[in-house]
Amino acid sequence: MSYTLGIIIIGIGILFDIGGCIGLIRMPDVYNRLQAATKCVTMGTCCILFGIFVIEGINPSGLKALLAMVFVALTSPTGAHALARASYRYGVKLWKKSVKDEYSDICEQPEHPEWEQD
């Protein structure tokens, strides 16, 4: 029973990872790509690790998977936030069809006219 449940959870995690990879390819700018990669791949990786925990149970392998899941859940969004903030502060422009730039009031964005998107 736990083996079947673990395989199902791992399969769901793989689907999230595939969705994140497709989003990484299909999204128009660095900020949307970071969002797709961070949310989907973090969820997918956590599901895969939780599925391993369900299959392995409470033994050293299962506990390592559970601990790795916690680390991924904490560090992946933090790293993506740091990348997005550094990109914005360095002057990487938003996609031309972006509706609103709420971060512009807080952070100054330098001008790089050679980076203009079509």
PDB file of N, CA and C in Angstrom:
ATOM      1  N   MET A   1       0.820  -1.204   0.000  1.00  0.00           N
ATOM      2  CA  MET A   1       0.000   0.000   0.000  1.00  0.00           C
ATOM      3  C   MET A   1       0.865   1.271   0.000  1.00  0.00           C
ATOM      4  N   SER A   2       1.851   1.311   0.901  1.00  0.00           N
ATOM      5  CA  SER A   2       2.683   2.516   0.969  1.00  0.00           C
ATOM      6  C   SER A   2       3.560   2.649  -0.280  1.00  0.00           C
ATOM      7  N   TYR A   3       3.936   1.510  -0.865  1.00  0.00           N
ATOM      8  CA  TYR A   3       4.738   1.573  -2.090  1.00  0.00           C
ATOM      9  C   TYR A   3       3.925   2.202  -3.221  1.00  0.00           C
ATOM     10  N   THR A   4       2.676   1.797  -3.378  1.00  0.00           N
ATOM     11  CA  THR A   4       1.813   2.346  -4.428  1.00  0.00           C
ATOM     12  C   THR A   4       1.553   3.833  -4.196  1.00  0.00           C
ATOM     13  N   LEU A   5       1.283   4.206  -2.973  1.00  0.00           N
ATOM     14  CA  LEU A   5       1.054   5.608  -2.640  1.00  0.00           C
ATOM     15  C   LEU A   5       2.309   6.440  -2.912  1.00  0.00           C
ATOM     16  N   GLY A   6       3.465   5.904  -2.558  1.00  0.00           N
ATOM     17  CA  GLY A   6       4.722   6.599  -2.811  1.00  0.00           C
ATOM     18  C   GLY A   6       4.974   6.805  -4.299  1.00  0.00           C
ATOM     19  N   ILE A   7       4.692   5.790  -5.094  1.00  0.00           N
ATOM     20  CA  ILE A   7       4.868   5.907  -6.555  1.00  0.00           C
ATOM     21  C   ILE A   7       3.909   6.949  -7.120  1.00  0.00           C
ATOM     22  N   ILE A   8       2.690   6.996  -6.623  1.00  0.00           N
ATOM     23  CA  ILE A   8       1.724   8.007  -7.091  1.00  0.00           C
ATOM     24  C   ILE A   8       2.217   9.408  -6.748  1.00  0.00           C
ATOM     25  N   ILE A   9       2.712   9.599  -5.531  1.00  0.00           N
ATOM     26  CA  ILE A   9       3.229  10.917  -5.123  1.00  0.00           C
ATOM     27  C   ILE A   9       4.452  11.296  -5.955  1.00  0.00           C
ATOM     28  N   ILE A  10       5.323  10.341  -6.226  1.00  0.00           N
ATOM     29  CA  ILE A  10       6.484  10.608  -7.078  1.00  0.00           C
ATOM     30  C   ILE A  10       6.037  10.978  -8.486  1.00  0.00           C
ATOM     31  N   GLY A  11       5.025  10.292  -9.012  1.00  0.00           N
ATOM     32  CA  GLY A  11       4.494  10.628 -10.339  1.00  0.00           C
ATOM     33  C   GLY A  11       3.928  12.045 -10.391  1.00  0.00           C
ATOM     34  N   ILE A  12       3.226  12.446  -9.340  1.00  0.00           N
ATOM     35  CA  ILE A  12       2.714  13.822  -9.267  1.00  0.00           C
ATOM     36  C   ILE A  12       3.866  14.808  -9.234  1.00  0.00           C
ATOM     37  N   GLY A  13       4.915  14.483  -8.490  1.00  0.00           N
ATOM     38  CA  GLY A  13       6.093  15.350  -8.440  1.00  0.00           C
ATOM     39  C   GLY A  13       6.764  15.487  -9.793  1.00  0.00           C
ATOM     40  N   ILE A  14       6.845  14.389 -10.527  1.00  0.00           N
ATOM     41  CA  ILE A  14       7.435  14.442 -11.865  1.00  0.00           C
ATOM     42  C   ILE A  14       6.599  15.328 -12.779  1.00  0.00           C
ATOM     43  N   LEU A  15       5.284  15.251 -12.669  1.00  0.00           N
ATOM     44  CA  LEU A  15       4.422  16.124 -13.481  1.00  0.00           C
ATOM     45  C   LEU A  15       4.643  17.600 -13.143  1.00  0.00           C
ATOM     46  N   PHE A  16       4.794  17.917 -11.870  1.00  0.00           N
ATOM     47  CA  PHE A  16       5.104  19.298 -11.480  1.00  0.00           C
ATOM     48  C   PHE A  16       6.451  19.737 -12.053  1.00  0.00           C
ATOM     49  N   ASP A  17       7.448  18.855 -11.983  1.00  0.00           N
ATOM     50  CA  ASP A  17       8.762  19.196 -12.536  1.00  0.00           C
ATOM     51  C   ASP A  17       8.698  19.424 -14.044  1.00  0.00           C
ATOM     52  N   ILE A  18       7.953  18.601 -14.744  1.00  0.00           N
ATOM     53  CA  ILE A  18       7.801  18.789 -16.191  1.00  0.00           C
ATOM     54  C   ILE A  18       7.096  20.110 -16.477  1.00  0.00           C
ATOM     55  N   GLY A  19       6.058  20.426 -15.702  1.00  0.00           N
ATOM     56  CA  GLY A  19       5.371  21.712 -15.867  1.00  0.00           C
ATOM     57  C   GLY A  19       6.301  22.893 -15.631  1.00  0.00           C
ATOM     58  N   GLY A  20       7.158  22.790 -14.624  1.00  0.00           N
ATOM     59  CA  GLY A  20       8.125  23.847 -14.365  1.00  0.00           C
ATOM     60  C   GLY A  20       9.127  23.996 -15.490  1.00  0.00           C
ATOM     61  N   CYS A  21       9.565  22.886 -16.059  1.00  0.00           N
ATOM     62  CA  CYS A  21      10.513  22.942 -17.183  1.00  0.00           C
ATOM     63  C   CYS A  21       9.868  23.547 -18.418  1.00  0.00           C
ATOM     64  N   ILE A  22       8.625  23.201 -18.669  1.00  0.00           N
ATOM     65  CA  ILE A  22       7.911  23.797 -19.810  1.00  0.00           C
ATOM     66  C   ILE A  22       7.728  25.293 -19.576  1.00  0.00           C
ATOM     67  N   GLY A  23       7.373  25.679 -18.367  1.00  0.00           N
ATOM     68  CA  GLY A  23       7.238  27.097 -18.044  1.00  0.00           C
ATOM     69  C   GLY A  23       8.542  27.849 -18.183  1.00  0.00           C
ATOM     70  N   LEU A  24       9.631  27.191 -17.836  1.00  0.00           N
ATOM     71  CA  LEU A  24      10.952  27.803 -17.965  1.00  0.00           C
ATOM     72  C   LEU A  24      11.280  28.094 -19.424  1.00  0.00           C
ATOM     73  N   ILE A  25      10.827  27.242 -20.310  1.00  0.00           N
ATOM     74  CA  ILE A  25      11.070  27.440 -21.742  1.00  0.00           C
ATOM     75  C   ILE A  25      10.082  28.439 -22.344  1.00  0.00           C
ATOM     76  N   ARG A  26       8.826  28.378 -21.933  1.00  0.00           N
ATOM     77  CA  ARG A  26       7.762  29.138 -22.592  1.00  0.00           C
ATOM     78  C   ARG A  26       7.565  30.569 -22.090  1.00  0.00           C
ATOM     79  N   MET A  27       7.981  30.873 -20.882  1.00  0.00           N
ATOM     80  CA  MET A  27       7.718  32.199 -20.313  1.00  0.00           C
ATOM     81  C   MET A  27       8.585  33.274 -20.981  1.00  0.00           C
ATOM     82  N   PRO A  28       8.084  34.504 -21.041  1.00  0.00           N
ATOM     83  CA  PRO A  28       8.735  35.531 -21.843  1.00  0.00           C
ATOM     84  C   PRO A  28       9.932  36.239 -21.215  1.00  0.00           C
ATOM     85  N   ASP A  29       9.992  36.363 -19.906  1.00  0.00           N
ATOM     86  CA  ASP A  29      11.116  37.098 -19.315  1.00  0.00           C
ATOM     87  C   ASP A  29      11.650  36.363 -18.090  1.00  0.00           C
ATOM     88  N   VAL A  30      12.733  36.886 -17.558  1.00  0.00           N
ATOM     89  CA  VAL A  30      13.435  36.201 -16.467  1.00  0.00           C
ATOM     90  C   VAL A  30      12.570  36.084 -15.218  1.00  0.00           C
ATOM     91  N   TYR A  31      11.734  37.037 -14.958  1.00  0.00           N
ATOM     92  CA  TYR A  31      10.908  37.016 -13.747  1.00  0.00           C
ATOM     93  C   TYR A  31       9.822  35.952 -13.830  1.00  0.00           C
ATOM     94  N   ASN A  32       9.166  35.851 -14.969  1.00  0.00           N
ATOM     95  CA  ASN A  32       8.160  34.805 -15.156  1.00  0.00           C
ATOM     96  C   ASN A  32       8.802  33.426 -15.162  1.00  0.00           C
ATOM     97  N   ARG A  33       9.985  33.320 -15.740  1.00  0.00           N
ATOM     98  CA  ARG A  33      10.688  32.035 -15.761  1.00  0.00           C
ATOM     99  C   ARG A  33      11.087  31.609 -14.357  1.00  0.00           C
ATOM    100  N   LEU A  34      11.550  32.562 -13.560  1.00  0.00           N
ATOM    101  CA  LEU A  34      11.896  32.235 -12.174  1.00  0.00           C
ATOM    102  C   LEU A  34      10.670  31.781 -11.394  1.00  0.00           C
ATOM    103  N   GLN A  35       9.549  32.425 -11.628  1.00  0.00           N
ATOM    104  CA  GLN A  35       8.319  32.051 -10.937  1.00  0.00           C
ATOM    105  C   GLN A  35       7.904  30.633 -11.318  1.00  0.00           C
ATOM    106  N   ALA A  36       7.937  30.332 -12.617  1.00  0.00           N
ATOM    107  CA  ALA A  36       7.546  28.996 -13.066  1.00  0.00           C
ATOM    108  C   ALA A  36       8.490  27.934 -12.527  1.00  0.00           C
ATOM    109  N   ALA A  37       9.770  28.224 -12.610  1.00  0.00           N
ATOM    110  CA  ALA A  37      10.748  27.240 -12.145  1.00  0.00           C
ATOM    111  C   ALA A  37      10.674  27.050 -10.640  1.00  0.00           C
ATOM    112  N   THR A  38      10.549  28.133  -9.909  1.00  0.00           N
ATOM    113  CA  THR A  38      10.576  28.031  -8.457  1.00  0.00           C
ATOM    114  C   THR A  38       9.347  27.311  -7.919  1.00  0.00           C
ATOM    115  N   LYS A  39       8.173  27.745  -8.304  1.00  0.00           N
ATOM    116  CA  LYS A  39       6.965  27.155  -7.733  1.00  0.00           C
ATOM    117  C   LYS A  39       6.789  25.702  -8.152  1.00  0.00           C
ATOM    118  N   CYS A  40       6.870  25.442  -9.446  1.00  0.00           N
ATOM    119  CA  CYS A  40       6.601  24.085  -9.922  1.00  0.00           C
ATOM    120  C   CYS A  40       7.708  23.108  -9.554  1.00  0.00           C
ATOM    121  N   VAL A  41       8.947  23.506  -9.747  1.00  0.00           N
ATOM    122  CA  VAL A  41      10.039  22.579  -9.481  1.00  0.00           C
ATOM    123  C   VAL A  41      10.213  22.350  -7.976  1.00  0.00           C
ATOM    124  N   THR A  42       9.983  23.361  -7.163  1.00  0.00           N
ATOM    125  CA  THR A  42      10.044  23.148  -5.712  1.00  0.00           C
ATOM    126  C   THR A  42       8.956  22.177  -5.275  1.00  0.00           C
ATOM    127  N   MET A  43       7.749  22.392  -5.752  1.00  0.00           N
ATOM    128  CA  MET A  43       6.651  21.490  -5.401  1.00  0.00           C
ATOM    129  C   MET A  43       6.922  20.082  -5.926  1.00  0.00           C
ATOM    130  N   GLY A  44       7.400  19.977  -7.163  1.00  0.00           N
ATOM    131  CA  GLY A  44       7.688  18.671  -7.743  1.00  0.00           C
ATOM    132  C   GLY A  44       8.781  17.938  -7.002  1.00  0.00           C
ATOM    133  N   THR A  45       9.855  18.631  -6.685  1.00  0.00           N
ATOM    134  CA  THR A  45      10.960  17.999  -5.971  1.00  0.00           C
ATOM    135  C   THR A  45      10.538  17.587  -4.563  1.00  0.00           C
ATOM    136  N   CYS A  46       9.753  18.431  -3.908  1.00  0.00           N
ATOM    137  CA  CYS A  46       9.261  18.068  -2.572  1.00  0.00           C
ATOM    138  C   CYS A  46       8.333  16.856  -2.638  1.00  0.00           C
ATOM    139  N   CYS A  47       7.518  16.774  -3.670  1.00  0.00           N
ATOM    140  CA  CYS A  47       6.649  15.597  -3.824  1.00  0.00           C
ATOM    141  C   CYS A  47       7.471  14.334  -4.064  1.00  0.00           C
ATOM    142  N   ILE A  48       8.491  14.435  -4.902  1.00  0.00           N
ATOM    143  CA  ILE A  48       9.344  13.276  -5.162  1.00  0.00           C
ATOM    144  C   ILE A  48      10.028  12.817  -3.871  1.00  0.00           C
ATOM    145  N   LEU A  49      10.570  13.764  -3.129  1.00  0.00           N
ATOM    146  CA  LEU A  49      11.242  13.410  -1.880  1.00  0.00           C
ATOM    147  C   LEU A  49      10.255  12.850  -0.848  1.00  0.00           C
ATOM    148  N   PHE A  50       9.048  13.402  -0.809  1.00  0.00           N
ATOM    149  CA  PHE A  50       8.047  12.870   0.116  1.00  0.00           C
ATOM    150  C   PHE A  50       7.618  11.465  -0.302  1.00  0.00           C
ATOM    151  N   GLY A  51       7.511  11.244  -1.612  1.00  0.00           N
ATOM    152  CA  GLY A  51       7.202   9.894  -2.088  1.00  0.00           C
ATOM    153  C   GLY A  51       8.265   8.889  -1.697  1.00  0.00           C
ATOM    154  N   ILE A  52       9.533   9.305  -1.758  1.00  0.00           N
ATOM    155  CA  ILE A  52      10.620   8.433  -1.296  1.00  0.00           C
ATOM    156  C   ILE A  52      10.473   8.151   0.193  1.00  0.00           C
ATOM    157  N   PHE A  53      10.103   9.179   0.955  1.00  0.00           N
ATOM    158  CA  PHE A  53       9.885   8.984   2.396  1.00  0.00           C
ATOM    159  C   PHE A  53       8.753   7.995   2.645  1.00  0.00           C
ATOM    160  N   VAL A  54       7.675   8.107   1.885  1.00  0.00           N
ATOM    161  CA  VAL A  54       6.549   7.187   2.061  1.00  0.00           C
ATOM    162  C   VAL A  54       6.969   5.754   1.737  1.00  0.00           C
ATOM    163  N   ILE A  55       7.754   5.593   0.683  1.00  0.00           N
ATOM    164  CA  ILE A  55       8.202   4.248   0.306  1.00  0.00           C
ATOM    165  C   ILE A  55       9.195   3.690   1.323  1.00  0.00           C
ATOM    166  N   GLU A  56      10.154   4.484   1.715  1.00  0.00           N
ATOM    167  CA  GLU A  56      11.223   4.007   2.601  1.00  0.00           C
ATOM    168  C   GLU A  56      10.775   3.896   4.057  1.00  0.00           C
ATOM    169  N   GLY A  57       9.889   4.765   4.488  1.00  0.00           N
ATOM    170  CA  GLY A  57       9.448   4.744   5.876  1.00  0.00           C
ATOM    171  C   GLY A  57      10.429   5.475   6.775  1.00  0.00           C
ATOM    172  N   ILE A  58      10.312   5.211   8.053  1.00  0.00           N
ATOM    173  CA  ILE A  58      11.167   5.894   9.027  1.00  0.00           C
ATOM    174  C   ILE A  58      12.444   5.067   9.207  1.00  0.00           C
ATOM    175  N   ASN A  59      13.383   5.291   8.314  1.00  0.00           N
ATOM    176  CA  ASN A  59      14.724   4.724   8.417  1.00  0.00           C
ATOM    177  C   ASN A  59      15.687   5.798   7.912  1.00  0.00           C
ATOM    178  N   PRO A  60      16.975   5.565   7.919  1.00  0.00           N
ATOM    179  CA  PRO A  60      17.898   6.635   7.515  1.00  0.00           C
ATOM    180  C   PRO A  60      17.623   7.216   6.124  1.00  0.00           C
ATOM    181  N   SER A  61      17.278   6.380   5.146  1.00  0.00           N
ATOM    182  CA  SER A  61      17.000   6.896   3.796  1.00  0.00           C
ATOM    183  C   SER A  61      15.748   7.772   3.774  1.00  0.00           C
ATOM    184  N   GLY A  62      14.704   7.327   4.437  1.00  0.00           N
ATOM    185  CA  GLY A  62      13.467   8.095   4.483  1.00  0.00           C
ATOM    186  C   GLY A  62      13.625   9.417   5.211  1.00  0.00           C
ATOM    187  N   LEU A  63      14.361   9.394   6.304  1.00  0.00           N
ATOM    188  CA  LEU A  63      14.572  10.631   7.053  1.00  0.00           C
ATOM    189  C   LEU A  63      15.464  11.611   6.292  1.00  0.00           C
ATOM    190  N   LYS A  64      16.419  11.091   5.536  1.00  0.00           N
ATOM    191  CA  LYS A  64      17.248  11.972   4.698  1.00  0.00           C
ATOM    192  C   LYS A  64      16.397  12.629   3.610  1.00  0.00           C
ATOM    193  N   ALA A  65      15.468  11.866   3.024  1.00  0.00           N
ATOM    194  CA  ALA A  65      14.573  12.440   2.017  1.00  0.00           C
ATOM    195  C   ALA A  65      13.687  13.512   2.630  1.00  0.00           C
ATOM    196  N   LEU A  66      13.195  13.274   3.829  1.00  0.00           N
ATOM    197  CA  LEU A  66      12.350  14.249   4.513  1.00  0.00           C
ATOM    198  C   LEU A  66      13.142  15.516   4.848  1.00  0.00           C
ATOM    199  N   LEU A  67      14.371  15.347   5.310  1.00  0.00           N
ATOM    200  CA  LEU A  67      15.224  16.490   5.621  1.00  0.00           C
ATOM    201  C   LEU A  67      15.580  17.283   4.355  1.00  0.00           C
ATOM    202  N   ALA A  68      15.871  16.566   3.272  1.00  0.00           N
ATOM    203  CA  ALA A  68      16.168  17.242   2.001  1.00  0.00           C
ATOM    204  C   ALA A  68      14.953  18.009   1.497  1.00  0.00           C
ATOM    205  N   MET A  69      13.752  17.456   1.725  1.00  0.00           N
ATOM    206  CA  MET A  69      12.533  18.145   1.322  1.00  0.00           C
ATOM    207  C   MET A  69      12.389  19.478   2.054  1.00  0.00           C
ATOM    208  N   VAL A  70      12.691  19.493   3.330  1.00  0.00           N
ATOM    209  CA  VAL A  70      12.619  20.731   4.104  1.00  0.00           C
ATOM    210  C   VAL A  70      13.641  21.747   3.581  1.00  0.00           C
ATOM    211  N   PHE A  71      14.861  21.303   3.312  1.00  0.00           N
ATOM    212  CA  PHE A  71      15.886  22.211   2.796  1.00  0.00           C
ATOM    213  C   PHE A  71      15.505  22.781   1.434  1.00  0.00           C
ATOM    214  N   VAL A  72      14.968  21.944   0.547  1.00  0.00           N
ATOM    215  CA  VAL A  72      14.545  22.423  -0.776  1.00  0.00           C
ATOM    216  C   VAL A  72      13.409  23.424  -0.632  1.00  0.00           C
ATOM    217  N   ALA A  73      12.459  23.130   0.235  1.00  0.00           N
ATOM    218  CA  ALA A  73      11.312  24.028   0.424  1.00  0.00           C
ATOM    219  C   ALA A  73      11.734  25.380   0.992  1.00  0.00           C
ATOM    220  N   LEU A  74      12.811  25.412   1.763  1.00  0.00           N
ATOM    221  CA  LEU A  74      13.268  26.678   2.334  1.00  0.00           C
ATOM    222  C   LEU A  74      14.231  27.443   1.429  1.00  0.00           C
ATOM    223  N   THR A  75      15.117  26.742   0.754  1.00  0.00           N
ATOM    224  CA  THR A  75      16.179  27.428   0.012  1.00  0.00           C
ATOM    225  C   THR A  75      15.808  27.796  -1.412  1.00  0.00           C
ATOM    226  N   SER A  76      14.969  27.038  -2.055  1.00  0.00           N
ATOM    227  CA  SER A  76      14.639  27.331  -3.451  1.00  0.00           C
ATOM    228  C   SER A  76      13.908  28.666  -3.623  1.00  0.00           C
ATOM    229  N   PRO A  77      12.849  28.950  -2.868  1.00  0.00           N
ATOM    230  CA  PRO A  77      12.207  30.263  -3.004  1.00  0.00           C
ATOM    231  C   PRO A  77      13.118  31.422  -2.595  1.00  0.00           C
ATOM    232  N   THR A  78      13.960  31.188  -1.594  1.00  0.00           N
ATOM    233  CA  THR A  78      14.886  32.237  -1.159  1.00  0.00           C
ATOM    234  C   THR A  78      15.890  32.565  -2.258  1.00  0.00           C
ATOM    235  N   GLY A  79      16.433  31.534  -2.890  1.00  0.00           N
ATOM    236  CA  GLY A  79      17.369  31.747  -3.991  1.00  0.00           C
ATOM    237  C   GLY A  79      16.725  32.426  -5.178  1.00  0.00           C
ATOM    238  N   ALA A  80      15.494  32.035  -5.499  1.00  0.00           N
ATOM    239  CA  ALA A  80      14.793  32.666  -6.620  1.00  0.00           C
ATOM    240  C   ALA A  80      14.499  34.137  -6.336  1.00  0.00           C
ATOM    241  N   HIS A  81      14.143  34.436  -5.097  1.00  0.00           N
ATOM    242  CA  HIS A  81      13.903  35.829  -4.731  1.00  0.00           C
ATOM    243  C   HIS A  81      15.180  36.650  -4.878  1.00  0.00           C
ATOM    244  N   ALA A  82      16.302  36.094  -4.439  1.00  0.00           N
ATOM    245  CA  ALA A  82      17.579  36.805  -4.561  1.00  0.00           C
ATOM    246  C   ALA A  82      17.946  37.029  -6.034  1.00  0.00           C
ATOM    247  N   LEU A  83      17.720  36.036  -6.873  1.00  0.00           N
ATOM    248  CA  LEU A  83      17.996  36.192  -8.311  1.00  0.00           C
ATOM    249  C   LEU A  83      17.088  37.245  -8.944  1.00  0.00           C
ATOM    250  N   ALA A  84      15.803  37.219  -8.595  1.00  0.00           N
ATOM    251  CA  ALA A  84      14.874  38.190  -9.166  1.00  0.00           C
ATOM    252  C   ALA A  84      15.210  39.610  -8.712  1.00  0.00           C
ATOM    253  N   ARG A  85      15.531  39.768  -7.457  1.00  0.00           N
ATOM    254  CA  ARG A  85      15.869  41.105  -6.961  1.00  0.00           C
ATOM    255  C   ARG A  85      17.165  41.615  -7.586  1.00  0.00           C
ATOM    256  N   ALA A  86      18.160  40.751  -7.698  1.00  0.00           N
ATOM    257  CA  ALA A  86      19.415  41.164  -8.330  1.00  0.00           C
ATOM    258  C   ALA A  86      19.202  41.503  -9.806  1.00  0.00           C
ATOM    259  N   SER A  87      18.362  40.739 -10.486  1.00  0.00           N
ATOM    260  CA  SER A  87      18.066  41.036 -11.895  1.00  0.00           C
ATOM    261  C   SER A  87      17.386  42.390 -12.027  1.00  0.00           C
ATOM    262  N   TYR A  88      16.436  42.650 -11.148  1.00  0.00           N
ATOM    263  CA  TYR A  88      15.727  43.925 -11.213  1.00  0.00           C
ATOM    264  C   TYR A  88      16.662  45.090 -10.911  1.00  0.00           C
ATOM    265  N   ARG A  89      17.464  44.931  -9.878  1.00  0.00           N
ATOM    266  CA  ARG A  89      18.380  46.013  -9.500  1.00  0.00           C
ATOM    267  C   ARG A  89      19.455  46.242 -10.544  1.00  0.00           C
ATOM    268  N   TYR A  90      19.819  45.193 -11.284  1.00  0.00           N
ATOM    269  CA  TYR A  90      20.816  45.336 -12.331  1.00  0.00           C
ATOM    270  C   TYR A  90      20.226  45.973 -13.586  1.00  0.00           C
ATOM    271  N   GLY A  91      18.907  45.925 -13.715  1.00  0.00           N
ATOM    272  CA  GLY A  91      18.267  46.618 -14.816  1.00  0.00           C
ATOM    273  C   GLY A  91      17.621  45.736 -15.865  1.00  0.00           C
ATOM    274  N   VAL A  92      17.436  44.465 -15.579  1.00  0.00           N
ATOM    275  CA  VAL A  92      16.759  43.596 -16.534  1.00  0.00           C
ATOM    276  C   VAL A  92      15.292  44.011 -16.589  1.00  0.00           C
ATOM    277  N   LYS A  93      14.822  44.361 -17.789  1.00  0.00           N
ATOM    278  CA  LYS A  93      13.462  44.885 -17.956  1.00  0.00           C
ATOM    279  C   LYS A  93      12.407  43.798 -17.844  1.00  0.00           C
ATOM    280  N   LEU A  94      11.238  44.219 -17.419  1.00  0.00           N
ATOM    281  CA  LEU A  94      10.081  43.339 -17.429  1.00  0.00           C
ATOM    282  C   LEU A  94       9.633  43.112 -18.870  1.00  0.00           C
ATOM    283  N   TRP A  95       8.805  42.093 -19.053  1.00  0.00           N
ATOM    284  CA  TRP A  95       8.225  41.830 -20.359  1.00  0.00           C
ATOM    285  C   TRP A  95       7.378  43.031 -20.755  1.00  0.00           C
ATOM    286  N   LYS A  96       7.363  43.355 -22.043  1.00  0.00           N
ATOM    287  CA  LYS A  96       6.668  44.574 -22.496  1.00  0.00           C
ATOM    288  C   LYS A  96       5.166  44.539 -22.224  1.00  0.00           C
ATOM    289  N   LYS A  97       4.575  43.361 -22.102  1.00  0.00           N
ATOM    290  CA  LYS A  97       3.141  43.261 -21.831  1.00  0.00           C
ATOM    291  C   LYS A  97       2.836  43.084 -20.345  1.00  0.00           C
ATOM    292  N   SER A  98       3.820  43.297 -19.487  1.00  0.00           N
ATOM    293  CA  SER A  98       3.571  43.225 -18.042  1.00  0.00           C
ATOM    294  C   SER A  98       2.606  44.327 -17.646  1.00  0.00           C
ATOM    295  N   VAL A  99       1.673  44.005 -16.791  1.00  0.00           N
ATOM    296  CA  VAL A  99       0.616  44.936 -16.432  1.00  0.00           C
ATOM    297  C   VAL A  99       1.090  45.986 -15.441  1.00  0.00           C
ATOM    298  N   LYS A 100       1.825  45.572 -14.421  1.00  0.00           N
ATOM    299  CA  LYS A 100       2.191  46.508 -13.367  1.00  0.00           C
ATOM    300  C   LYS A 100       3.564  46.148 -12.806  1.00  0.00           C
ATOM    301  N   ASP A 101       4.315  47.182 -12.454  1.00  0.00           N
ATOM    302  CA  ASP A 101       5.624  47.010 -11.836  1.00  0.00           C
ATOM    303  C   ASP A 101       5.571  47.608 -10.437  1.00  0.00           C
ATOM    304  N   GLU A 102       5.150  46.806  -9.470  1.00  0.00           N
ATOM    305  CA  GLU A 102       4.998  47.301  -8.099  1.00  0.00           C
ATOM    306  C   GLU A 102       6.339  47.517  -7.412  1.00  0.00           C
ATOM    307  N   TYR A 103       7.376  46.914  -7.912  1.00  0.00           N
ATOM    308  CA  TYR A 103       8.680  47.011  -7.270  1.00  0.00           C
ATOM    309  C   TYR A 103       9.391  48.315  -7.615  1.00  0.00           C
ATOM    310  N   SER A 104       8.910  49.024  -8.629  1.00  0.00           N
ATOM    311  CA  SER A 104       9.586  50.250  -9.070  1.00  0.00           C
ATOM    312  C   SER A 104       9.527  51.357  -8.014  1.00  0.00           C
ATOM    313  N   ASP A 105       8.517  51.346  -7.157  1.00  0.00           N
ATOM    314  CA  ASP A 105       8.421  52.352  -6.100  1.00  0.00           C
ATOM    315  C   ASP A 105       9.467  52.128  -5.003  1.00  0.00           C
ATOM    316  N   ILE A 106       9.874  50.890  -4.822  1.00  0.00           N
ATOM    317  CA  ILE A 106      10.789  50.535  -3.736  1.00  0.00           C
ATOM    318  C   ILE A 106      12.241  50.553  -4.183  1.00  0.00           C
ATOM    319  N   CYS A 107      12.492  50.080  -5.391  1.00  0.00           N
ATOM    320  CA  CYS A 107      13.866  49.858  -5.853  1.00  0.00           C
ATOM    321  C   CYS A 107      14.117  50.663  -7.128  1.00  0.00           C
ATOM    322  N   GLU A 108      15.243  51.320  -7.172  1.00  0.00           N
ATOM    323  CA  GLU A 108      15.607  52.062  -8.374  1.00  0.00           C
ATOM    324  C   GLU A 108      16.194  51.108  -9.398  1.00  0.00           C
ATOM    325  N   GLN A 109      15.789  51.297 -10.641  1.00  0.00           N
ATOM    326  CA  GLN A 109      16.258  50.444 -11.721  1.00  0.00           C
ATOM    327  C   GLN A 109      17.120  51.281 -12.658  1.00  0.00           C
ATOM    328  N   PRO A 110      18.394  50.914 -12.849  1.00  0.00           N
ATOM    329  CA  PRO A 110      19.255  51.684 -13.743  1.00  0.00           C
ATOM    330  C   PRO A 110      18.818  51.540 -15.198  1.00  0.00           C
ATOM    331  N   GLU A 111      19.214  52.491 -15.995  1.00  0.00           N
ATOM    332  CA  GLU A 111      18.852  52.485 -17.405  1.00  0.00           C
ATOM    333  C   GLU A 111      19.902  51.737 -18.224  1.00  0.00           C
ATOM    334  N   HIS A 112      19.444  50.775 -19.026  1.00  0.00           N
ATOM    335  CA  HIS A 112      20.288  50.070 -19.976  1.00  0.00           C
ATOM    336  C   HIS A 112      19.527  50.015 -21.293  1.00  0.00           C
ATOM    337  N   PRO A 113      19.627  51.047 -22.132  1.00  0.00           N
ATOM    338  CA  PRO A 113      18.834  51.070 -23.364  1.00  0.00           C
ATOM    339  C   PRO A 113      19.162  49.935 -24.321  1.00  0.00           C
ATOM    340  N   GLU A 114      20.363  49.381 -24.249  1.00  0.00           N
ATOM    341  CA  GLU A 114      20.701  48.292 -25.174  1.00  0.00           C
ATOM    342  C   GLU A 114      19.989  46.989 -24.828  1.00  0.00           C
ATOM    343  N   TRP A 115      19.328  46.932 -23.660  1.00  0.00           N
ATOM    344  CA  TRP A 115      18.638  45.725 -23.249  1.00  0.00           C
ATOM    345  C   TRP A 115      17.142  45.776 -23.548  1.00  0.00           C
ATOM    346  N   GLU A 116      16.686  46.759 -24.252  1.00  0.00           N
ATOM    347  CA  GLU A 116      15.263  46.891 -24.526  1.00  0.00           C
ATOM    348  C   GLU A 116      14.761  45.651 -25.282  1.00  0.00           C
ATOM    349  N   GLN A 117      13.578  45.169 -24.882  1.00  0.00           N
ATOM    350  CA  GLN A 117      12.975  44.031 -25.566  1.00  0.00           C
ATOM    351  C   GLN A 117      12.075  44.530 -26.690  1.00  0.00           C
ATOM    352  N   ASP A 118      11.891  43.697 -27.672  1.00  0.00           N
ATOM    353  CA  ASP A 118      11.048  44.068 -28.827  1.00  0.00           C
ATOM    354  C   ASP A 118       9.601  44.107 -28.442  1.00  0.00           C
TER     355      ASP A 118
END
